Structures are given as structure tokens and as C-alpha cells.
Amino acid sequence: MLRLFHVSEEPNISVFEPRVPSREDLDKTKKYVWAITEKC
């Protein structure tokens, strides 16, 4: 089963709002929520 995580220095995040990425290699017309796998 795939598990996805977000690591932050901010406590108590209740809603993860998708954001336009700052990275140049990602589509800036879409918003993303940054998630990582358990392996990473």
C-alpha cells in the first residue's frame, strides 16, 4: 500500500492548499501538494 507524507516545521497544518511550484521543471499552470513516499 502506498503511503504519502509531508514533512514540515509548521505544527498543526489542517489543510494542505495546492500551490504553484517554484521549480522551473514543473508545470506552472497547475498547483501541487508536495508529498513524498515512505521510501523517501
PDB file of all heavy atoms in Angstrom:
ATOM      1  N   MET A   1       0.836  -1.185   0.000  1.00  0.00           N
ATOM      2  CA  MET A   1       0.000   0.000   0.000  1.00  0.00           C
ATOM      3  C   MET A   1       0.884   1.253   0.000  1.00  0.00           C
ATOM      4  O   MET A   1       1.821   1.369   0.775  1.00  0.00           O
ATOM      5  CB  MET A   1      -0.883  -0.015   1.243  1.00  0.00           C
ATOM      6  CG  MET A   1      -1.752   1.217   1.352  1.00  0.00           C
ATOM      7  SD  MET A   1      -2.913   1.112   2.708  1.00  0.00           S
ATOM      8  CE  MET A   1      -2.010   1.976   3.958  1.00  0.00           C
ATOM      9  N   LEU A   2       0.582   2.152  -0.890  1.00  0.00           N
ATOM     10  CA  LEU A   2       1.330   3.404  -0.998  1.00  0.00           C
ATOM     11  C   LEU A   2       0.998   4.312   0.175  1.00  0.00           C
ATOM     12  O   LEU A   2      -0.172   4.519   0.510  1.00  0.00           O
ATOM     13  CB  LEU A   2       0.983   4.115  -2.307  1.00  0.00           C
ATOM     14  CG  LEU A   2       1.664   5.457  -2.545  1.00  0.00           C
ATOM     15  CD1 LEU A   2       3.171   5.273  -2.707  1.00  0.00           C
ATOM     16  CD2 LEU A   2       1.077   6.142  -3.757  1.00  0.00           C
ATOM     17  N   ARG A   3       2.037   4.840   0.810  1.00  0.00           N
ATOM     18  CA  ARG A   3       1.858   5.818   1.880  1.00  0.00           C
ATOM     19  C   ARG A   3       2.534   7.105   1.439  1.00  0.00           C
ATOM     20  O   ARG A   3       3.649   7.084   0.912  1.00  0.00           O
ATOM     21  CB  ARG A   3       2.469   5.303   3.180  1.00  0.00           C
ATOM     22  CG  ARG A   3       1.765   4.065   3.708  1.00  0.00           C
ATOM     23  CD  ARG A   3       2.422   3.521   4.942  1.00  0.00           C
ATOM     24  NE  ARG A   3       2.192   4.427   6.069  1.00  0.00           N
ATOM     25  CZ  ARG A   3       2.856   4.330   7.227  1.00  0.00           C
ATOM     26  NH1 ARG A   3       3.763   3.397   7.404  1.00  0.00           N
ATOM     27  NH2 ARG A   3       2.599   5.176   8.208  1.00  0.00           N
ATOM     28  N   LEU A   4       1.857   8.238   1.662  1.00  0.00           N
ATOM     29  CA  LEU A   4       2.377   9.552   1.274  1.00  0.00           C
ATOM     30  C   LEU A   4       2.457  10.466   2.489  1.00  0.00           C
ATOM     31  O   LEU A   4       1.551  10.479   3.322  1.00  0.00           O
ATOM     32  CB  LEU A   4       1.475  10.192   0.219  1.00  0.00           C
ATOM     33  CG  LEU A   4       1.381   9.471  -1.111  1.00  0.00           C
ATOM     34  CD1 LEU A   4       0.369  10.172  -2.017  1.00  0.00           C
ATOM     35  CD2 LEU A   4       2.739   9.397  -1.778  1.00  0.00           C
ATOM     36  N   PHE A   5       3.544  11.236   2.535  1.00  0.00           N
ATOM     37  CA  PHE A   5       3.813  12.097   3.687  1.00  0.00           C
ATOM     38  C   PHE A   5       4.194  13.503   3.259  1.00  0.00           C
ATOM     39  O   PHE A   5       4.620  13.739   2.126  1.00  0.00           O
ATOM     40  CB  PHE A   5       4.975  11.521   4.501  1.00  0.00           C
ATOM     41  CG  PHE A   5       4.732  10.138   5.013  1.00  0.00           C
ATOM     42  CD1 PHE A   5       5.105   9.029   4.269  1.00  0.00           C
ATOM     43  CD2 PHE A   5       4.130   9.935   6.243  1.00  0.00           C
ATOM     44  CE1 PHE A   5       4.879   7.749   4.737  1.00  0.00           C
ATOM     45  CE2 PHE A   5       3.903   8.654   6.722  1.00  0.00           C
ATOM     46  CZ  PHE A   5       4.278   7.564   5.968  1.00  0.00           C
ATOM     47  N   HIS A   6       4.103  14.409   4.214  1.00  0.00           N
ATOM     48  CA  HIS A   6       4.613  15.772   4.080  1.00  0.00           C
ATOM     49  C   HIS A   6       5.343  16.067   5.385  1.00  0.00           C
ATOM     50  O   HIS A   6       4.816  15.813   6.466  1.00  0.00           O
ATOM     51  CB  HIS A   6       3.470  16.772   3.878  1.00  0.00           C
ATOM     52  CG  HIS A   6       3.938  18.178   3.721  1.00  0.00           C
ATOM     53  ND1 HIS A   6       4.302  18.694   2.491  1.00  0.00           N
ATOM     54  CD2 HIS A   6       4.126  19.164   4.627  1.00  0.00           C
ATOM     55  CE1 HIS A   6       4.681  19.952   2.655  1.00  0.00           C
ATOM     56  NE2 HIS A   6       4.582  20.256   3.940  1.00  0.00           N
ATOM     57  N   VAL A   7       6.560  16.589   5.284  1.00  0.00           N
ATOM     58  CA  VAL A   7       7.346  16.954   6.467  1.00  0.00           C
ATOM     59  C   VAL A   7       7.423  18.468   6.521  1.00  0.00           C
ATOM     60  O   VAL A   7       7.708  19.124   5.518  1.00  0.00           O
ATOM     61  CB  VAL A   7       8.769  16.346   6.401  1.00  0.00           C
ATOM     62  CG1 VAL A   7       9.583  16.752   7.621  1.00  0.00           C
ATOM     63  CG2 VAL A   7       8.700  14.829   6.272  1.00  0.00           C
ATOM     64  N   SER A   8       7.170  19.021   7.698  1.00  0.00           N
ATOM     65  CA  SER A   8       7.145  20.471   7.843  1.00  0.00           C
ATOM     66  C   SER A   8       7.658  20.882   9.214  1.00  0.00           C
ATOM     67  O   SER A   8       7.621  20.098  10.168  1.00  0.00           O
ATOM     68  CB  SER A   8       5.714  20.982   7.673  1.00  0.00           C
ATOM     69  OG  SER A   8       5.654  22.381   7.866  1.00  0.00           O
ATOM     70  N   GLU A   9       8.114  22.112   9.296  1.00  0.00           N
ATOM     71  CA  GLU A   9       8.462  22.706  10.578  1.00  0.00           C
ATOM     72  C   GLU A   9       7.248  23.391  11.192  1.00  0.00           C
ATOM     73  O   GLU A   9       7.319  23.910  12.300  1.00  0.00           O
ATOM     74  CB  GLU A   9       9.622  23.688  10.398  1.00  0.00           C
ATOM     75  CG  GLU A   9      10.905  22.998   9.969  1.00  0.00           C
ATOM     76  CD  GLU A   9      12.031  23.953   9.645  1.00  0.00           C
ATOM     77  OE1 GLU A   9      12.087  25.043  10.230  1.00  0.00           O
ATOM     78  OE2 GLU A   9      12.869  23.598   8.793  1.00  0.00           O
ATOM     79  N   GLU A  10       6.142  23.381  10.478  1.00  0.00           N
ATOM     80  CA  GLU A  10       4.902  24.003  10.948  1.00  0.00           C
ATOM     81  C   GLU A  10       4.010  22.965  11.636  1.00  0.00           C
ATOM     82  O   GLU A  10       3.648  21.965  11.029  1.00  0.00           O
ATOM     83  CB  GLU A  10       4.135  24.616   9.781  1.00  0.00           C
ATOM     84  CG  GLU A  10       4.874  25.738   9.090  1.00  0.00           C
ATOM     85  CD  GLU A  10       4.084  26.268   7.907  1.00  0.00           C
ATOM     86  OE1 GLU A  10       2.847  26.400   8.026  1.00  0.00           O
ATOM     87  OE2 GLU A  10       4.711  26.523   6.872  1.00  0.00           O
ATOM     88  N   PRO A  11       3.636  23.235  12.893  1.00  0.00           N
ATOM     89  CA  PRO A  11       2.732  22.309  13.578  1.00  0.00           C
ATOM     90  C   PRO A  11       1.277  22.569  13.183  1.00  0.00           C
ATOM     91  O   PRO A  11       0.934  23.647  12.709  1.00  0.00           O
ATOM     92  CB  PRO A  11       2.951  22.647  15.053  1.00  0.00           C
ATOM     93  CG  PRO A  11       3.297  24.105  15.049  1.00  0.00           C
ATOM     94  CD  PRO A  11       4.084  24.322  13.762  1.00  0.00           C
ATOM     95  N   ASN A  12       0.456  21.573  13.346  1.00  0.00           N
ATOM     96  CA  ASN A  12      -0.999  21.727  13.218  1.00  0.00           C
ATOM     97  C   ASN A  12      -1.484  22.208  11.860  1.00  0.00           C
ATOM     98  O   ASN A  12      -2.420  23.003  11.780  1.00  0.00           O
ATOM     99  CB  ASN A  12      -1.540  22.654  14.312  1.00  0.00           C
ATOM    100  CG  ASN A  12      -1.180  22.149  15.690  1.00  0.00           C
ATOM    101  OD1 ASN A  12      -1.256  20.954  15.948  1.00  0.00           O
ATOM    102  ND2 ASN A  12      -0.766  23.046  16.563  1.00  0.00           N
ATOM    103  N   ILE A  13      -0.892  21.749  10.786  1.00  0.00           N
ATOM    104  CA  ILE A  13      -1.421  22.083   9.465  1.00  0.00           C
ATOM    105  C   ILE A  13      -2.688  21.258   9.287  1.00  0.00           C
ATOM    106  O   ILE A  13      -2.659  20.022   9.346  1.00  0.00           O
ATOM    107  CB  ILE A  13      -0.409  21.771   8.345  1.00  0.00           C
ATOM    108  CG1 ILE A  13       0.860  22.599   8.526  1.00  0.00           C
ATOM    109  CG2 ILE A  13      -1.038  22.043   6.977  1.00  0.00           C
ATOM    110  CD1 ILE A  13       1.969  22.258   7.537  1.00  0.00           C
ATOM    111  N   SER A  14      -3.802  21.919   9.096  1.00  0.00           N
ATOM    112  CA  SER A  14      -5.069  21.191   8.972  1.00  0.00           C
ATOM    113  C   SER A  14      -5.513  21.038   7.517  1.00  0.00           C
ATOM    114  O   SER A  14      -6.229  20.102   7.181  1.00  0.00           O
ATOM    115  CB  SER A  14      -6.165  21.864   9.786  1.00  0.00           C
ATOM    116  OG  SER A  14      -6.347  23.190   9.361  1.00  0.00           O
ATOM    117  N   VAL A  15      -5.093  21.971   6.654  1.00  0.00           N
ATOM    118  CA  VAL A  15      -5.446  21.910   5.238  1.00  0.00           C
ATOM    119  C   VAL A  15      -4.189  22.173   4.418  1.00  0.00           C
ATOM    120  O   VAL A  15      -3.487  23.160   4.645  1.00  0.00           O
ATOM    121  CB  VAL A  15      -6.533  22.959   4.889  1.00  0.00           C
ATOM    122  CG1 VAL A  15      -6.813  22.961   3.397  1.00  0.00           C
ATOM    123  CG2 VAL A  15      -7.799  22.717   5.677  1.00  0.00           C
ATOM    124  N   PHE A  16      -3.917  21.291   3.487  1.00  0.00           N
ATOM    125  CA  PHE A  16      -2.789  21.475   2.586  1.00  0.00           C
ATOM    126  C   PHE A  16      -3.317  22.064   1.286  1.00  0.00           C
ATOM    127  O   PHE A  16      -3.986  21.381   0.514  1.00  0.00           O
ATOM    128  CB  PHE A  16      -2.081  20.143   2.321  1.00  0.00           C
ATOM    129  CG  PHE A  16      -1.255  19.693   3.492  1.00  0.00           C
ATOM    130  CD1 PHE A  16      -1.840  19.000   4.541  1.00  0.00           C
ATOM    131  CD2 PHE A  16       0.090  19.982   3.547  1.00  0.00           C
ATOM    132  CE1 PHE A  16      -1.096  18.597   5.626  1.00  0.00           C
ATOM    133  CE2 PHE A  16       0.848  19.583   4.628  1.00  0.00           C
ATOM    134  CZ  PHE A  16       0.259  18.887   5.672  1.00  0.00           C
ATOM    135  N   GLU A  17      -3.053  23.321   1.080  1.00  0.00           N
ATOM    136  CA  GLU A  17      -3.511  24.022  -0.114  1.00  0.00           C
ATOM    137  C   GLU A  17      -2.531  23.781  -1.258  1.00  0.00           C
ATOM    138  O   GLU A  17      -1.334  24.032  -1.102  1.00  0.00           O
ATOM    139  CB  GLU A  17      -3.610  25.525   0.154  1.00  0.00           C
ATOM    140  CG  GLU A  17      -4.649  25.910   1.176  1.00  0.00           C
ATOM    141  CD  GLU A  17      -6.068  25.695   0.708  1.00  0.00           C
ATOM    142  OE1 GLU A  17      -6.302  25.611  -0.520  1.00  0.00           O
ATOM    143  OE2 GLU A  17      -6.952  25.592   1.579  1.00  0.00           O
ATOM    144  N   PRO A  18      -3.008  23.310  -2.393  1.00  0.00           N
ATOM    145  CA  PRO A  18      -2.111  23.169  -3.552  1.00  0.00           C
ATOM    146  C   PRO A  18      -1.509  24.522  -3.923  1.00  0.00           C
ATOM    147  O   PRO A  18      -2.173  25.554  -3.819  1.00  0.00           O
ATOM    148  CB  PRO A  18      -3.032  22.646  -4.655  1.00  0.00           C
ATOM    149  CG  PRO A  18      -4.154  21.994  -3.916  1.00  0.00           C
ATOM    150  CD  PRO A  18      -4.353  22.833  -2.680  1.00  0.00           C
ATOM    151  N   ARG A  19      -0.238  24.493  -4.326  1.00  0.00           N
ATOM    152  CA  ARG A  19       0.474  25.719  -4.673  1.00  0.00           C
ATOM    153  C   ARG A  19       1.147  25.586  -6.033  1.00  0.00           C
ATOM    154  O   ARG A  19       1.537  24.490  -6.434  1.00  0.00           O
ATOM    155  CB  ARG A  19       1.562  26.017  -3.635  1.00  0.00           C
ATOM    156  CG  ARG A  19       1.029  26.228  -2.254  1.00  0.00           C
ATOM    157  CD  ARG A  19       2.150  26.486  -1.291  1.00  0.00           C
ATOM    158  NE  ARG A  19       1.613  26.582   0.065  1.00  0.00           N
ATOM    159  CZ  ARG A  19       2.345  26.773   1.120  1.00  0.00           C
ATOM    160  NH1 ARG A  19       3.645  26.891   1.019  1.00  0.00           N
ATOM    161  NH2 ARG A  19       1.783  26.842   2.314  1.00  0.00           N
ATOM    162  N   VAL A  20       1.314  26.715  -6.687  1.00  0.00           N
ATOM    163  CA  VAL A  20       2.070  26.746  -7.938  1.00  0.00           C
ATOM    164  C   VAL A  20       3.528  26.466  -7.573  1.00  0.00           C
ATOM    165  O   VAL A  20       4.069  27.095  -6.657  1.00  0.00           O
ATOM    166  CB  VAL A  20       1.924  28.120  -8.640  1.00  0.00           C
ATOM    167  CG1 VAL A  20       2.823  28.192  -9.863  1.00  0.00           C
ATOM    168  CG2 VAL A  20       0.470  28.369  -9.011  1.00  0.00           C
ATOM    169  N   PRO A  21       4.172  25.545  -8.262  1.00  0.00           N
ATOM    170  CA  PRO A  21       5.550  25.198  -7.904  1.00  0.00           C
ATOM    171  C   PRO A  21       6.540  26.303  -8.251  1.00  0.00           C
ATOM    172  O   PRO A  21       6.362  27.033  -9.227  1.00  0.00           O
ATOM    173  CB  PRO A  21       5.822  23.943  -8.731  1.00  0.00           C
ATOM    174  CG  PRO A  21       4.920  24.070  -9.903  1.00  0.00           C
ATOM    175  CD  PRO A  21       3.686  24.777  -9.394  1.00  0.00           C
ATOM    176  N   SER A  22       7.576  26.402  -7.456  1.00  0.00           N
ATOM    177  CA  SER A  22       8.643  27.364  -7.753  1.00  0.00           C
ATOM    178  C   SER A  22       9.710  26.733  -8.651  1.00  0.00           C
ATOM    179  O   SER A  22      10.480  27.441  -9.276  1.00  0.00           O
ATOM    180  CB  SER A  22       9.284  27.880  -6.458  1.00  0.00           C
ATOM    181  OG  SER A  22       9.805  26.803  -5.716  1.00  0.00           O
ATOM    182  N   ARG A  23       9.728  25.411  -8.716  1.00  0.00           N
ATOM    183  CA  ARG A  23      10.711  24.718  -9.557  1.00  0.00           C
ATOM    184  C   ARG A  23      10.422  24.985 -11.024  1.00  0.00           C
ATOM    185  O   ARG A  23       9.270  24.962 -11.461  1.00  0.00           O
ATOM    186  CB  ARG A  23      10.674  23.217  -9.279  1.00  0.00           C
ATOM    187  CG  ARG A  23      11.233  22.871  -7.915  1.00  0.00           C
ATOM    188  CD  ARG A  23      11.143  21.421  -7.578  1.00  0.00           C
ATOM    189  NE  ARG A  23      11.232  20.494  -8.684  1.00  0.00           N
ATOM    190  CZ  ARG A  23      11.144  19.185  -8.555  1.00  0.00           C
ATOM    191  NH1 ARG A  23      10.954  18.651  -7.383  1.00  0.00           N
ATOM    192  NH2 ARG A  23      11.223  18.402  -9.601  1.00  0.00           N
ATOM    193  N   GLU A  24      11.457  25.210 -11.787  1.00  0.00           N
ATOM    194  CA  GLU A  24      11.325  25.512 -13.214  1.00  0.00           C
ATOM    195  C   GLU A  24      10.915  24.302 -14.053  1.00  0.00           C
ATOM    196  O   GLU A  24      10.378  24.453 -15.132  1.00  0.00           O
ATOM    197  CB  GLU A  24      12.630  26.100 -13.759  1.00  0.00           C
ATOM    198  CG  GLU A  24      12.992  27.451 -13.159  1.00  0.00           C
ATOM    199  CD  GLU A  24      11.914  28.501 -13.390  1.00  0.00           C
ATOM    200  OE1 GLU A  24      11.335  28.551 -14.492  1.00  0.00           O
ATOM    201  OE2 GLU A  24      11.642  29.273 -12.448  1.00  0.00           O
ATOM    202  N   ASP A  25      11.165  23.104 -13.563  1.00  0.00           N
ATOM    203  CA  ASP A  25      10.873  21.903 -14.348  1.00  0.00           C
ATOM    204  C   ASP A  25       9.433  21.398 -14.173  1.00  0.00           C
ATOM    205  O   ASP A  25       9.062  20.386 -14.746  1.00  0.00           O
ATOM    206  CB  ASP A  25      11.863  20.788 -14.010  1.00  0.00           C
ATOM    207  CG  ASP A  25      11.822  20.392 -12.549  1.00  0.00           C
ATOM    208  OD1 ASP A  25      11.522  21.251 -11.698  1.00  0.00           O
ATOM    209  OD2 ASP A  25      12.097  19.216 -12.250  1.00  0.00           O
ATOM    210  N   LEU A  26       8.617  22.108 -13.382  1.00  0.00           N
ATOM    211  CA  LEU A  26       7.236  21.700 -13.177  1.00  0.00           C
ATOM    212  C   LEU A  26       6.280  22.679 -13.850  1.00  0.00           C
ATOM    213  O   LEU A  26       6.579  23.860 -13.981  1.00  0.00           O
ATOM    214  CB  LEU A  26       6.920  21.609 -11.681  1.00  0.00           C
ATOM    215  CG  LEU A  26       7.729  20.567 -10.914  1.00  0.00           C
ATOM    216  CD1 LEU A  26       7.411  20.632  -9.427  1.00  0.00           C
ATOM    217  CD2 LEU A  26       7.451  19.171 -11.450  1.00  0.00           C
ATOM    218  N   ASP A  27       5.148  22.179 -14.246  1.00  0.00           N
ATOM    219  CA  ASP A  27       4.122  22.960 -14.940  1.00  0.00           C
ATOM    220  C   ASP A  27       3.560  24.041 -14.016  1.00  0.00           C
ATOM    221  O   ASP A  27       2.928  23.747 -13.008  1.00  0.00           O
ATOM    222  CB  ASP A  27       3.015  22.008 -15.389  1.00  0.00           C
ATOM    223  CG  ASP A  27       1.943  22.684 -16.226  1.00  0.00           C
ATOM    224  OD1 ASP A  27       1.944  23.931 -16.328  1.00  0.00           O
ATOM    225  OD2 ASP A  27       1.117  21.949 -16.793  1.00  0.00           O
ATOM    226  N   LYS A  28       3.774  25.301 -14.370  1.00  0.00           N
ATOM    227  CA  LYS A  28       3.328  26.419 -13.540  1.00  0.00           C
ATOM    228  C   LYS A  28       1.855  26.771 -13.759  1.00  0.00           C
ATOM    229  O   LYS A  28       1.338  27.677 -13.131  1.00  0.00           O
ATOM    230  CB  LYS A  28       4.221  27.625 -13.772  1.00  0.00           C
ATOM    231  CG  LYS A  28       5.671  27.350 -13.383  1.00  0.00           C
ATOM    232  CD  LYS A  28       6.319  28.594 -12.872  1.00  0.00           C
ATOM    233  CE  LYS A  28       7.768  28.365 -12.595  1.00  0.00           C
ATOM    234  NZ  LYS A  28       8.017  27.811 -11.288  1.00  0.00           N
ATOM    235  N   THR A  29       1.187  26.026 -14.636  1.00  0.00           N
ATOM    236  CA  THR A  29      -0.255  26.251 -14.820  1.00  0.00           C
ATOM    237  C   THR A  29      -1.061  25.349 -13.885  1.00  0.00           C
ATOM    238  O   THR A  29      -2.273  25.413 -13.853  1.00  0.00           O
ATOM    239  CB  THR A  29      -0.684  25.982 -16.275  1.00  0.00           C
ATOM    240  OG1 THR A  29      -0.472  24.601 -16.575  1.00  0.00           O
ATOM    241  CG2 THR A  29       0.090  26.873 -17.242  1.00  0.00           C
ATOM    242  N   LYS A  30      -0.370  24.492 -13.133  1.00  0.00           N
ATOM    243  CA  LYS A  30      -1.035  23.577 -12.204  1.00  0.00           C
ATOM    244  C   LYS A  30      -0.536  23.832 -10.789  1.00  0.00           C
ATOM    245  O   LYS A  30       0.566  24.318 -10.589  1.00  0.00           O
ATOM    246  CB  LYS A  30      -0.743  22.129 -12.587  1.00  0.00           C
ATOM    247  CG  LYS A  30      -1.283  21.743 -13.933  1.00  0.00           C
ATOM    248  CD  LYS A  30      -0.975  20.308 -14.249  1.00  0.00           C
ATOM    249  CE  LYS A  30      -1.515  19.943 -15.622  1.00  0.00           C
ATOM    250  NZ  LYS A  30      -1.173  18.584 -15.985  1.00  0.00           N
ATOM    251  N   LYS A  31      -1.369  23.494  -9.834  1.00  0.00           N
ATOM    252  CA  LYS A  31      -0.990  23.605  -8.426  1.00  0.00           C
ATOM    253  C   LYS A  31      -0.779  22.198  -7.865  1.00  0.00           C
ATOM    254  O   LYS A  31      -1.453  21.252  -8.272  1.00  0.00           O
ATOM    255  CB  LYS A  31      -2.070  24.339  -7.634  1.00  0.00           C
ATOM    256  CG  LYS A  31      -2.221  25.785  -8.040  1.00  0.00           C
ATOM    257  CD  LYS A  31      -3.268  26.457  -7.192  1.00  0.00           C
ATOM    258  CE  LYS A  31      -3.382  27.924  -7.553  1.00  0.00           C
ATOM    259  NZ  LYS A  31      -4.366  28.603  -6.690  1.00  0.00           N
ATOM    260  N   TYR A  32       0.159  22.090  -6.923  1.00  0.00           N
ATOM    261  CA  TYR A  32       0.523  20.804  -6.361  1.00  0.00           C
ATOM    262  C   TYR A  32       0.541  20.851  -4.841  1.00  0.00           C
ATOM    263  O   TYR A  32       0.809  21.890  -4.245  1.00  0.00           O
ATOM    264  CB  TYR A  32       1.929  20.392  -6.808  1.00  0.00           C
ATOM    265  CG  TYR A  32       2.118  20.284  -8.294  1.00  0.00           C
ATOM    266  CD1 TYR A  32       2.545  21.378  -9.044  1.00  0.00           C
ATOM    267  CD2 TYR A  32       1.902  19.079  -8.950  1.00  0.00           C
ATOM    268  CE1 TYR A  32       2.742  21.273 -10.412  1.00  0.00           C
ATOM    269  CE2 TYR A  32       2.097  18.971 -10.320  1.00  0.00           C
ATOM    270  CZ  TYR A  32       2.521  20.071 -11.046  1.00  0.00           C
ATOM    271  OH  TYR A  32       2.710  19.965 -12.393  1.00  0.00           O
ATOM    272  N   VAL A  33       0.310  19.696  -4.233  1.00  0.00           N
ATOM    273  CA  VAL A  33       0.608  19.487  -2.826  1.00  0.00           C
ATOM    274  C   VAL A  33       1.832  18.576  -2.818  1.00  0.00           C
ATOM    275  O   VAL A  33       1.816  17.514  -3.438  1.00  0.00           O
ATOM    276  CB  VAL A  33      -0.564  18.818  -2.074  1.00  0.00           C
ATOM    277  CG1 VAL A  33      -0.135  18.391  -0.677  1.00  0.00           C
ATOM    278  CG2 VAL A  33      -1.752  19.764  -2.001  1.00  0.00           C
ATOM    279  N   TRP A  34       2.899  19.000  -2.146  1.00  0.00           N
ATOM    280  CA  TRP A  34       4.139  18.240  -2.133  1.00  0.00           C
ATOM    281  C   TRP A  34       3.975  17.032  -1.219  1.00  0.00           C
ATOM    282  O   TRP A  34       3.658  17.170  -0.034  1.00  0.00           O
ATOM    283  CB  TRP A  34       5.293  19.120  -1.645  1.00  0.00           C
ATOM    284  CG  TRP A  34       6.601  18.429  -1.735  1.00  0.00           C
ATOM    285  CD1 TRP A  34       7.249  17.771  -0.732  1.00  0.00           C
ATOM    286  CD2 TRP A  34       7.424  18.300  -2.881  1.00  0.00           C
ATOM    287  NE1 TRP A  34       8.416  17.246  -1.191  1.00  0.00           N
ATOM    288  CE2 TRP A  34       8.556  17.560  -2.511  1.00  0.00           C
ATOM    289  CE3 TRP A  34       7.306  18.743  -4.205  1.00  0.00           C
ATOM    290  CZ2 TRP A  34       9.567  17.255  -3.412  1.00  0.00           C
ATOM    291  CZ3 TRP A  34       8.323  18.438  -5.086  1.00  0.00           C
ATOM    292  CH2 TRP A  34       9.429  17.711  -4.694  1.00  0.00           C
ATOM    293  N   ALA A  35       4.175  15.842  -1.755  1.00  0.00           N
ATOM    294  CA  ALA A  35       4.072  14.609  -0.988  1.00  0.00           C
ATOM    295  C   ALA A  35       5.242  13.707  -1.335  1.00  0.00           C
ATOM    296  O   ALA A  35       5.741  13.733  -2.464  1.00  0.00           O
ATOM    297  CB  ALA A  35       2.759  13.906  -1.295  1.00  0.00           C
ATOM    298  N   ILE A  36       5.682  12.932  -0.362  1.00  0.00           N
ATOM    299  CA  ILE A  36       6.798  12.013  -0.576  1.00  0.00           C
ATOM    300  C   ILE A  36       6.389  10.613  -0.130  1.00  0.00           C
ATOM    301  O   ILE A  36       5.534  10.453   0.734  1.00  0.00           O
ATOM    302  CB  ILE A  36       8.070  12.463   0.172  1.00  0.00           C
ATOM    303  CG1 ILE A  36       7.770  12.677   1.651  1.00  0.00           C
ATOM    304  CG2 ILE A  36       8.640  13.714  -0.459  1.00  0.00           C
ATOM    305  CD1 ILE A  36       8.986  12.989   2.495  1.00  0.00           C
ATOM    306  N   THR A  37       7.015   9.627  -0.710  1.00  0.00           N
ATOM    307  CA  THR A  37       6.730   8.244  -0.344  1.00  0.00           C
ATOM    308  C   THR A  37       7.478   7.869   0.930  1.00  0.00           C
ATOM    309  O   THR A  37       8.430   8.534   1.339  1.00  0.00           O
ATOM    310  CB  THR A  37       7.153   7.279  -1.462  1.00  0.00           C
ATOM    311  OG1 THR A  37       8.553   7.401  -1.660  1.00  0.00           O
ATOM    312  CG2 THR A  37       6.389   7.545  -2.742  1.00  0.00           C
ATOM    313  N   GLU A  38       7.048   6.772   1.512  1.00  0.00           N
ATOM    314  CA  GLU A  38       7.697   6.275   2.732  1.00  0.00           C
ATOM    315  C   GLU A  38       9.176   5.985   2.485  1.00  0.00           C
ATOM    316  O   GLU A  38      10.023   6.250   3.335  1.00  0.00           O
ATOM    317  CB  GLU A  38       6.962   5.013   3.198  1.00  0.00           C
ATOM    318  CG  GLU A  38       7.412   4.494   4.524  1.00  0.00           C
ATOM    319  CD  GLU A  38       6.524   3.352   5.005  1.00  0.00           C
ATOM    320  OE1 GLU A  38       5.771   2.753   4.204  1.00  0.00           O
ATOM    321  OE2 GLU A  38       6.591   3.074   6.206  1.00  0.00           O
ATOM    322  N   LYS A  39       9.487   5.470   1.310  1.00  0.00           N
ATOM    323  CA  LYS A  39      10.872   5.156   0.967  1.00  0.00           C
ATOM    324  C   LYS A  39      11.755   6.406   1.001  1.00  0.00           C
ATOM    325  O   LYS A  39      12.917   6.353   1.404  1.00  0.00           O
ATOM    326  CB  LYS A  39      10.923   4.516  -0.421  1.00  0.00           C
ATOM    327  CG  LYS A  39      12.299   4.165  -0.902  1.00  0.00           C
ATOM    328  CD  LYS A  39      12.224   3.528  -2.279  1.00  0.00           C
ATOM    329  CE  LYS A  39      13.576   3.186  -2.825  1.00  0.00           C
ATOM    330  NZ  LYS A  39      13.472   2.561  -4.151  1.00  0.00           N
ATOM    331  N   CYS A  40      11.203   7.542   0.611  1.00  0.00           N
ATOM    332  CA  CYS A  40      11.977   8.781   0.551  1.00  0.00           C
ATOM    333  C   CYS A  40      11.855   9.643   1.805  1.00  0.00           C
ATOM    334  O   CYS A  40      12.520  10.669   1.907  1.00  0.00           O
ATOM    335  CB  CYS A  40      11.564   9.590  -0.668  1.00  0.00           C
ATOM    336  SG  CYS A  40      11.982   8.753  -2.204  1.00  0.00           S
TER     337      CYS A  40
END
